[in-house]
Amino acid sequence: MSLEELLPAHRAKSRAWSIFIRTGLVMSLVGSLLTMLVTLILPCVCFLSILKGNITRFQGSFCVLIIIVGVMSSAIGTYMSISEIIHQLS
């Protein structure tokens, strides 16, 4: 069941509501990419590049683990967003 089917009948045919719902799908796609990039990946990459030779093995390993989790979360979120967009458009 799509979001457009849940709208009242007098609003279901409104172009503005249709655009609003589809904008939400695009925002979820952009959000899944950028949220993980800004909150998990970039801080760790900056930390590793700024303190290149002055970090412990534990700090480096932990940052790499966080980067891997961020990349995987971003990939899963992007996949789910794209599949939802395809589902809504088909």
PDB file of N, CA and C in Angstrom:
ATOM      1  N   MET A   1       0.848  -1.163   0.000  1.00  0.00           N
ATOM      2  CA  MET A   1       0.000   0.000   0.000  1.00  0.00           C
ATOM      3  C   MET A   1       0.902   1.236   0.000  1.00  0.00           C
ATOM      4  N   SER A   2       0.624   2.140  -0.917  1.00  0.00           N
ATOM      5  CA  SER A   2       1.431   3.352  -1.007  1.00  0.00           C
ATOM      6  C   SER A   2       0.840   4.458  -0.145  1.00  0.00           C
ATOM      7  N   LEU A   3       1.621   5.475   0.073  1.00  0.00           N
ATOM      8  CA  LEU A   3       1.157   6.606   0.872  1.00  0.00           C
ATOM      9  C   LEU A   3       0.022   7.351   0.186  1.00  0.00           C
ATOM     10  N   GLU A   4       0.043   7.390  -1.135  1.00  0.00           N
ATOM     11  CA  GLU A   4      -1.013   8.087  -1.863  1.00  0.00           C
ATOM     12  C   GLU A   4      -2.363   7.407  -1.679  1.00  0.00           C
ATOM     13  N   GLU A   5      -2.368   6.119  -1.482  1.00  0.00           N
ATOM     14  CA  GLU A   5      -3.624   5.403  -1.263  1.00  0.00           C
ATOM     15  C   GLU A   5      -4.216   5.698   0.103  1.00  0.00           C
ATOM     16  N   LEU A   6      -3.400   6.132   1.040  1.00  0.00           N
ATOM     17  CA  LEU A   6      -3.884   6.441   2.379  1.00  0.00           C
ATOM     18  C   LEU A   6      -4.471   7.843   2.495  1.00  0.00           C
ATOM     19  N   LEU A   7      -4.244   8.675   1.495  1.00  0.00           N
ATOM     20  CA  LEU A   7      -4.778  10.034   1.521  1.00  0.00           C
ATOM     21  C   LEU A   7      -6.291  10.023   1.324  1.00  0.00           C
ATOM     22  N   PRO A   8      -6.993  11.010   1.874  1.00  0.00           N
ATOM     23  CA  PRO A   8      -8.429  11.135   1.604  1.00  0.00           C
ATOM     24  C   PRO A   8      -8.674  11.328   0.106  1.00  0.00           C
ATOM     25  N   ALA A   9      -9.850  10.965  -0.353  1.00  0.00           N
ATOM     26  CA  ALA A   9     -10.157  10.977  -1.787  1.00  0.00           C
ATOM     27  C   ALA A   9      -9.998  12.364  -2.402  1.00  0.00           C
ATOM     28  N   HIS A  10     -10.381  13.404  -1.685  1.00  0.00           N
ATOM     29  CA  HIS A  10     -10.294  14.748  -2.262  1.00  0.00           C
ATOM     30  C   HIS A  10      -8.853  15.251  -2.368  1.00  0.00           C
ATOM     31  N   ARG A  11      -7.939  14.630  -1.666  1.00  0.00           N
ATOM     32  CA  ARG A  11      -6.527  15.036  -1.746  1.00  0.00           C
ATOM     33  C   ARG A  11      -5.684  14.053  -2.550  1.00  0.00           C
ATOM     34  N   ALA A  12      -6.212  12.894  -2.838  1.00  0.00           N
ATOM     35  CA  ALA A  12      -5.433  11.863  -3.523  1.00  0.00           C
ATOM     36  C   ALA A  12      -5.041  12.286  -4.929  1.00  0.00           C
ATOM     37  N   LYS A  13      -5.864  13.092  -5.574  1.00  0.00           N
ATOM     38  CA  LYS A  13      -5.579  13.506  -6.948  1.00  0.00           C
ATOM     39  C   LYS A  13      -4.855  14.843  -7.015  1.00  0.00           C
ATOM     40  N   SER A  14      -4.516  15.385  -5.883  1.00  0.00           N
ATOM     41  CA  SER A  14      -3.829  16.666  -5.846  1.00  0.00           C
ATOM     42  C   SER A  14      -2.367  16.493  -6.249  1.00  0.00           C
ATOM     43  N   ARG A  15      -1.936  17.307  -7.166  1.00  0.00           N
ATOM     44  CA  ARG A  15      -0.544  17.246  -7.631  1.00  0.00           C
ATOM     45  C   ARG A  15       0.421  17.650  -6.516  1.00  0.00           C
ATOM     46  N   ALA A  16       0.026  18.601  -5.695  1.00  0.00           N
ATOM     47  CA  ALA A  16       0.899  19.062  -4.611  1.00  0.00           C
ATOM     48  C   ALA A  16       1.174  17.937  -3.615  1.00  0.00           C
ATOM     49  N   TRP A  17       0.153  17.185  -3.243  1.00  0.00           N
ATOM     50  CA  TRP A  17       0.354  16.075  -2.305  1.00  0.00           C
ATOM     51  C   TRP A  17       1.217  14.980  -2.923  1.00  0.00           C
ATOM     52  N   SER A  18       1.033  14.730  -4.206  1.00  0.00           N
ATOM     53  CA  SER A  18       1.835  13.718  -4.886  1.00  0.00           C
ATOM     54  C   SER A  18       3.312  14.115  -4.899  1.00  0.00           C
ATOM     55  N   ILE A  19       3.576  15.381  -5.187  1.00  0.00           N
ATOM     56  CA  ILE A  19       4.960  15.869  -5.184  1.00  0.00           C
ATOM     57  C   ILE A  19       5.540  15.817  -3.775  1.00  0.00           C
ATOM     58  N   PHE A  20       4.729  16.179  -2.786  1.00  0.00           N
ATOM     59  CA  PHE A  20       5.179  16.160  -1.393  1.00  0.00           C
ATOM     60  C   PHE A  20       5.596  14.756  -0.972  1.00  0.00           C
ATOM     61  N   ILE A  21       4.823  13.755  -1.340  1.00  0.00           N
ATOM     62  CA  ILE A  21       5.130  12.370  -0.960  1.00  0.00           C
ATOM     63  C   ILE A  21       6.397  11.899  -1.665  1.00  0.00           C
ATOM     64  N   ARG A  22       6.523  12.212  -2.941  1.00  0.00           N
ATOM     65  CA  ARG A  22       7.715  11.789  -3.676  1.00  0.00           C
ATOM     66  C   ARG A  22       8.966  12.529  -3.198  1.00  0.00           C
ATOM     67  N   THR A  23       8.794  13.753  -2.754  1.00  0.00           N
ATOM     68  CA  THR A  23       9.920  14.493  -2.193  1.00  0.00           C
ATOM     69  C   THR A  23      10.442  13.790  -0.944  1.00  0.00           C
ATOM     70  N   GLY A  24       9.544  13.232  -0.158  1.00  0.00           N
ATOM     71  CA  GLY A  24       9.951  12.475   1.024  1.00  0.00           C
ATOM     72  C   GLY A  24      10.799  11.267   0.667  1.00  0.00           C
ATOM     73  N   LEU A  25      10.475  10.610  -0.446  1.00  0.00           N
ATOM     74  CA  LEU A  25      11.266   9.459  -0.879  1.00  0.00           C
ATOM     75  C   LEU A  25      12.677   9.880  -1.294  1.00  0.00           C
ATOM     76  N   VAL A  26      12.770  10.985  -2.002  1.00  0.00           N
ATOM     77  CA  VAL A  26      14.086  11.482  -2.411  1.00  0.00           C
ATOM     78  C   VAL A  26      14.880  11.945  -1.191  1.00  0.00           C
ATOM     79  N   MET A  27      14.201  12.569  -0.242  1.00  0.00           N
ATOM     80  CA  MET A  27      14.883  13.004   0.977  1.00  0.00           C
ATOM     81  C   MET A  27      15.418  11.817   1.764  1.00  0.00           C
ATOM     82  N   SER A  28      14.697  10.701   1.770  1.00  0.00           N
ATOM     83  CA  SER A  28      15.205   9.521   2.476  1.00  0.00           C
ATOM     84  C   SER A  28      16.445   8.969   1.785  1.00  0.00           C
ATOM     85  N   LEU A  29      16.485   9.060   0.464  1.00  0.00           N
ATOM     86  CA  LEU A  29      17.664   8.614  -0.275  1.00  0.00           C
ATOM     87  C   LEU A  29      18.868   9.499   0.039  1.00  0.00           C
ATOM     88  N   VAL A  30      18.687  10.800  -0.048  1.00  0.00           N
ATOM     89  CA  VAL A  30      19.777  11.736   0.235  1.00  0.00           C
ATOM     90  C   VAL A  30      20.190  11.634   1.703  1.00  0.00           C
ATOM     91  N   GLY A  31      19.214  11.492   2.583  1.00  0.00           N
ATOM     92  CA  GLY A  31      19.511  11.385   4.009  1.00  0.00           C
ATOM     93  C   GLY A  31      20.313  10.150   4.348  1.00  0.00           C
ATOM     94  N   SER A  32      19.991   9.032   3.712  1.00  0.00           N
ATOM     95  CA  SER A  32      20.738   7.809   4.015  1.00  0.00           C
ATOM     96  C   SER A  32      22.193   7.926   3.570  1.00  0.00           C
ATOM     97  N   LEU A  33      22.423   8.651   2.504  1.00  0.00           N
ATOM     98  CA  LEU A  33      23.803   8.840   2.055  1.00  0.00           C
ATOM     99  C   LEU A  33      24.553   9.847   2.922  1.00  0.00           C
ATOM    100  N   LEU A  34      23.968  11.010   3.098  1.00  0.00           N
ATOM    101  CA  LEU A  34      24.692  12.102   3.742  1.00  0.00           C
ATOM    102  C   LEU A  34      24.765  11.988   5.258  1.00  0.00           C
ATOM    103  N   THR A  35      23.760  11.410   5.886  1.00  0.00           N
ATOM    104  CA  THR A  35      23.776  11.313   7.345  1.00  0.00           C
ATOM    105  C   THR A  35      24.943  10.458   7.823  1.00  0.00           C
ATOM    106  N   MET A  36      25.115   9.312   7.226  1.00  0.00           N
ATOM    107  CA  MET A  36      26.223   8.444   7.627  1.00  0.00           C
ATOM    108  C   MET A  36      27.566   9.066   7.268  1.00  0.00           C
ATOM    109  N   LEU A  37      27.609   9.751   6.134  1.00  0.00           N
ATOM    110  CA  LEU A  37      28.859  10.383   5.728  1.00  0.00           C
ATOM    111  C   LEU A  37      29.276  11.462   6.717  1.00  0.00           C
ATOM    112  N   VAL A  38      28.332  12.308   7.100  1.00  0.00           N
ATOM    113  CA  VAL A  38      28.655  13.445   7.966  1.00  0.00           C
ATOM    114  C   VAL A  38      28.828  13.030   9.420  1.00  0.00           C
ATOM    115  N   THR A  39      28.051  12.071   9.898  1.00  0.00           N
ATOM    116  CA  THR A  39      28.089  11.748  11.323  1.00  0.00           C
ATOM    117  C   THR A  39      29.107  10.676  11.692  1.00  0.00           C
ATOM    118  N   LEU A  40      29.395   9.758  10.813  1.00  0.00           N
ATOM    119  CA  LEU A  40      30.307   8.666  11.167  1.00  0.00           C
ATOM    120  C   LEU A  40      31.605   8.662  10.368  1.00  0.00           C
ATOM    121  N   ILE A  41      31.499   8.781   9.068  1.00  0.00           N
ATOM    122  CA  ILE A  41      32.664   8.554   8.221  1.00  0.00           C
ATOM    123  C   ILE A  41      33.634   9.738   8.251  1.00  0.00           C
ATOM    124  N   LEU A  42      33.149  10.936   7.960  1.00  0.00           N
ATOM    125  CA  LEU A  42      34.043  12.100   7.887  1.00  0.00           C
ATOM    126  C   LEU A  42      34.762  12.432   9.191  1.00  0.00           C
ATOM    127  N   PRO A  43      34.103  12.381  10.353  1.00  0.00           N
ATOM    128  CA  PRO A  43      34.858  12.671  11.579  1.00  0.00           C
ATOM    129  C   PRO A  43      36.024  11.707  11.805  1.00  0.00           C
ATOM    130  N   CYS A  44      35.795  10.437  11.529  1.00  0.00           N
ATOM    131  CA  CYS A  44      36.878   9.464  11.716  1.00  0.00           C
ATOM    132  C   CYS A  44      37.995   9.659  10.698  1.00  0.00           C
ATOM    133  N   VAL A  45      37.634   9.948   9.464  1.00  0.00           N
ATOM    134  CA  VAL A  45      38.652  10.187   8.441  1.00  0.00           C
ATOM    135  C   VAL A  45      39.471  11.424   8.788  1.00  0.00           C
ATOM    136  N   CYS A  46      38.808  12.477   9.234  1.00  0.00           N
ATOM    137  CA  CYS A  46      39.532  13.696   9.636  1.00  0.00           C
ATOM    138  C   CYS A  46      40.431  13.431  10.840  1.00  0.00           C
ATOM    139  N   PHE A  47      39.925  12.685  11.819  1.00  0.00           N
ATOM    140  CA  PHE A  47      40.728  12.345  12.993  1.00  0.00           C
ATOM    141  C   PHE A  47      41.976  11.575  12.582  1.00  0.00           C
ATOM    142  N   LEU A  48      41.792  10.592  11.703  1.00  0.00           N
ATOM    143  CA  LEU A  48      42.935   9.794  11.262  1.00  0.00           C
ATOM    144  C   LEU A  48      43.927  10.621  10.448  1.00  0.00           C
ATOM    145  N   SER A  49      43.431  11.541   9.637  1.00  0.00           N
ATOM    146  CA  SER A  49      44.356  12.323   8.811  1.00  0.00           C
ATOM    147  C   SER A  49      45.066  13.419   9.608  1.00  0.00           C
ATOM    148  N   ILE A  50      44.390  14.007  10.590  1.00  0.00           N
ATOM    149  CA  ILE A  50      45.017  15.066  11.385  1.00  0.00           C
ATOM    150  C   ILE A  50      46.068  14.494  12.332  1.00  0.00           C
ATOM    151  N   LEU A  51      45.733  13.418  13.011  1.00  0.00           N
ATOM    152  CA  LEU A  51      46.648  12.812  13.986  1.00  0.00           C
ATOM    153  C   LEU A  51      47.309  11.560  13.409  1.00  0.00           C
ATOM    154  N   LYS A  52      47.796  11.663  12.207  1.00  0.00           N
ATOM    155  CA  LYS A  52      48.296  10.511  11.455  1.00  0.00           C
ATOM    156  C   LYS A  52      49.288   9.649  12.224  1.00  0.00           C
ATOM    157  N   GLY A  53      50.291  10.207  12.803  1.00  0.00           N
ATOM    158  CA  GLY A  53      51.305   9.405  13.468  1.00  0.00           C
ATOM    159  C   GLY A  53      51.179   9.344  14.975  1.00  0.00           C
ATOM    160  N   ASN A  54      50.208  10.020  15.544  1.00  0.00           N
ATOM    161  CA  ASN A  54      50.117  10.131  17.000  1.00  0.00           C
ATOM    162  C   ASN A  54      48.938   9.382  17.608  1.00  0.00           C
ATOM    163  N   ILE A  55      48.408   8.395  16.927  1.00  0.00           N
ATOM    164  CA  ILE A  55      47.281   7.646  17.490  1.00  0.00           C
ATOM    165  C   ILE A  55      47.733   6.232  17.825  1.00  0.00           C
ATOM    166  N   THR A  56      47.040   5.654  18.789  1.00  0.00           N
ATOM    167  CA  THR A  56      47.350   4.276  19.173  1.00  0.00           C
ATOM    168  C   THR A  56      46.704   3.314  18.186  1.00  0.00           C
ATOM    169  N   ARG A  57      47.126   2.077  18.271  1.00  0.00           N
ATOM    170  CA  ARG A  57      46.561   1.046  17.406  1.00  0.00           C
ATOM    171  C   ARG A  57      45.069   0.872  17.687  1.00  0.00           C
ATOM    172  N   PHE A  58      44.683   0.973  18.959  1.00  0.00           N
ATOM    173  CA  PHE A  58      43.275   0.841  19.333  1.00  0.00           C
ATOM    174  C   PHE A  58      42.443   1.961  18.714  1.00  0.00           C
ATOM    175  N   GLN A  59      42.940   3.204  18.794  1.00  0.00           N
ATOM    176  CA  GLN A  59      42.207   4.331  18.218  1.00  0.00           C
ATOM    177  C   GLN A  59      42.050   4.175  16.705  1.00  0.00           C
ATOM    178  N   GLY A  60      43.110   3.764  16.051  1.00  0.00           N
ATOM    179  CA  GLY A  60      43.044   3.557  14.602  1.00  0.00           C
ATOM    180  C   GLY A  60      42.082   2.450  14.226  1.00  0.00           C
ATOM    181  N   SER A  61      42.146   1.348  14.968  1.00  0.00           N
ATOM    182  CA  SER A  61      41.247   0.225  14.693  1.00  0.00           C
ATOM    183  C   SER A  61      39.797   0.599  14.947  1.00  0.00           C
ATOM    184  N   PHE A  62      39.567   1.348  16.012  1.00  0.00           N
ATOM    185  CA  PHE A  62      38.206   1.758  16.344  1.00  0.00           C
ATOM    186  C   PHE A  62      37.651   2.705  15.281  1.00  0.00           C
ATOM    187  N   CYS A  63      38.477   3.613  14.796  1.00  0.00           N
ATOM    188  CA  CYS A  63      38.038   4.519  13.728  1.00  0.00           C
ATOM    189  C   CYS A  63      37.725   3.750  12.442  1.00  0.00           C
ATOM    190  N   VAL A  64      38.559   2.787  12.114  1.00  0.00           N
ATOM    191  CA  VAL A  64      38.301   1.975  10.923  1.00  0.00           C
ATOM    192  C   VAL A  64      37.002   1.193  11.087  1.00  0.00           C
ATOM    193  N   LEU A  65      36.749   0.663  12.280  1.00  0.00           N
ATOM    194  CA  LEU A  65      35.497  -0.047  12.545  1.00  0.00           C
ATOM    195  C   LEU A  65      34.295   0.884  12.366  1.00  0.00           C
ATOM    196  N   ILE A  66      34.395   2.094  12.881  1.00  0.00           N
ATOM    197  CA  ILE A  66      33.302   3.061  12.740  1.00  0.00           C
ATOM    198  C   ILE A  66      33.090   3.418  11.266  1.00  0.00           C
ATOM    199  N   ILE A  67      34.172   3.564  10.516  1.00  0.00           N
ATOM    200  CA  ILE A  67      34.052   3.864   9.086  1.00  0.00           C
ATOM    201  C   ILE A  67      33.360   2.721   8.360  1.00  0.00           C
ATOM    202  N   ILE A  68      33.719   1.487   8.684  1.00  0.00           N
ATOM    203  CA  ILE A  68      33.092   0.323   8.047  1.00  0.00           C
ATOM    204  C   ILE A  68      31.605   0.266   8.376  1.00  0.00           C
ATOM    205  N   VAL A  69      31.253   0.494   9.634  1.00  0.00           N
ATOM    206  CA  VAL A  69      29.838   0.505  10.028  1.00  0.00           C
ATOM    207  C   VAL A  69      29.097   1.620   9.291  1.00  0.00           C
ATOM    208  N   GLY A  70      29.712   2.784   9.160  1.00  0.00           N
ATOM    209  CA  GLY A  70      29.089   3.894   8.450  1.00  0.00           C
ATOM    210  C   GLY A  70      28.860   3.594   6.982  1.00  0.00           C
ATOM    211  N   VAL A  71      29.851   2.995   6.337  1.00  0.00           N
ATOM    212  CA  VAL A  71      29.714   2.654   4.921  1.00  0.00           C
ATOM    213  C   VAL A  71      28.636   1.595   4.728  1.00  0.00           C
ATOM    214  N   MET A  72      28.622   0.584   5.601  1.00  0.00           N
ATOM    215  CA  MET A  72      27.599  -0.463   5.483  1.00  0.00           C
ATOM    216  C   MET A  72      26.204   0.095   5.746  1.00  0.00           C
ATOM    217  N   SER A  73      26.067   0.938   6.748  1.00  0.00           N
ATOM    218  CA  SER A  73      24.766   1.536   7.050  1.00  0.00           C
ATOM    219  C   SER A  73      24.299   2.422   5.908  1.00  0.00           C
ATOM    220  N   SER A  74      25.209   3.157   5.334  1.00  0.00           N
ATOM    221  CA  SER A  74      24.869   4.010   4.202  1.00  0.00           C
ATOM    222  C   SER A  74      24.435   3.175   2.999  1.00  0.00           C
ATOM    223  N   ALA A  75      25.130   2.084   2.757  1.00  0.00           N
ATOM    224  CA  ALA A  75      24.778   1.212   1.634  1.00  0.00           C
ATOM    225  C   ALA A  75      23.410   0.573   1.843  1.00  0.00           C
ATOM    226  N   ILE A  76      23.144   0.102   3.046  1.00  0.00           N
ATOM    227  CA  ILE A  76      21.847  -0.518   3.334  1.00  0.00           C
ATOM    228  C   ILE A  76      20.728   0.512   3.232  1.00  0.00           C
ATOM    229  N   GLY A  77      20.937   1.702   3.796  1.00  0.00           N
ATOM    230  CA  GLY A  77      19.928   2.751   3.721  1.00  0.00           C
ATOM    231  C   GLY A  77      19.662   3.197   2.299  1.00  0.00           C
ATOM    232  N   THR A  78      20.719   3.305   1.503  1.00  0.00           N
ATOM    233  CA  THR A  78      20.562   3.688   0.102  1.00  0.00           C
ATOM    234  C   THR A  78      19.806   2.616  -0.665  1.00  0.00           C
ATOM    235  N   TYR A  79      20.149   1.369  -0.438  1.00  0.00           N
ATOM    236  CA  TYR A  79      19.449   0.268  -1.102  1.00  0.00           C
ATOM    237  C   TYR A  79      17.967   0.267  -0.746  1.00  0.00           C
ATOM    238  N   MET A  80      17.664   0.445   0.528  1.00  0.00           N
ATOM    239  CA  MET A  80      16.265   0.444   0.952  1.00  0.00           C
ATOM    240  C   MET A  80      15.511   1.641   0.371  1.00  0.00           C
ATOM    241  N   SER A  81      16.150   2.793   0.315  1.00  0.00           N
ATOM    242  CA  SER A  81      15.506   3.976  -0.255  1.00  0.00           C
ATOM    243  C   SER A  81      15.249   3.798  -1.746  1.00  0.00           C
ATOM    244  N   ILE A  82      16.225   3.275  -2.459  1.00  0.00           N
ATOM    245  CA  ILE A  82      16.048   3.057  -3.893  1.00  0.00           C
ATOM    246  C   ILE A  82      14.972   2.017  -4.154  1.00  0.00           C
ATOM    247  N   SER A  83      14.952   0.951  -3.368  1.00  0.00           N
ATOM    248  CA  SER A  83      13.919  -0.067  -3.570  1.00  0.00           C
ATOM    249  C   SER A  83      12.530   0.485  -3.264  1.00  0.00           C
ATOM    250  N   GLU A  84      12.414   1.379  -2.283  1.00  0.00           N
ATOM    251  CA  GLU A  84      11.119   2.001  -1.986  1.00  0.00           C
ATOM    252  C   GLU A  84      10.694   2.942  -3.108  1.00  0.00           C
ATOM    253  N   ILE A  85      11.639   3.675  -3.672  1.00  0.00           N
ATOM    254  CA  ILE A  85      11.317   4.550  -4.804  1.00  0.00           C
ATOM    255  C   ILE A  85      10.855   3.722  -5.996  1.00  0.00           C
ATOM    256  N   ILE A  86      11.547   2.631  -6.282  1.00  0.00           N
ATOM    257  CA  ILE A  86      11.146   1.756  -7.387  1.00  0.00           C
ATOM    258  C   ILE A  86       9.772   1.162  -7.125  1.00  0.00           C
ATOM    259  N   HIS A  87       9.526   0.749  -5.891  1.00  0.00           N
ATOM    260  CA  HIS A  87       8.225   0.177  -5.533  1.00  0.00           C
ATOM    261  C   HIS A  87       7.107   1.204  -5.701  1.00  0.00           C
ATOM    262  N   GLN A  88       7.359   2.447  -5.296  1.00  0.00           N
ATOM    263  CA  GLN A  88       6.334   3.490  -5.404  1.00  0.00           C
ATOM    264  C   GLN A  88       6.065   3.874  -6.854  1.00  0.00           C
ATOM    265  N   LEU A  89       7.075   3.823  -7.698  1.00  0.00           N
ATOM    266  CA  LEU A  89       6.904   4.232  -9.088  1.00  0.00           C
ATOM    267  C   LEU A  89       6.370   3.120  -9.979  1.00  0.00           C
ATOM    268  N   SER A  90       6.432   1.894  -9.528  1.00  0.00           N
ATOM    269  CA  SER A  90       5.933   0.792 -10.372  1.00  0.00           C
ATOM    270  C   SER A  90       4.495   0.449 -10.081  1.00  0.00           C
TER     271      SER A  90
END
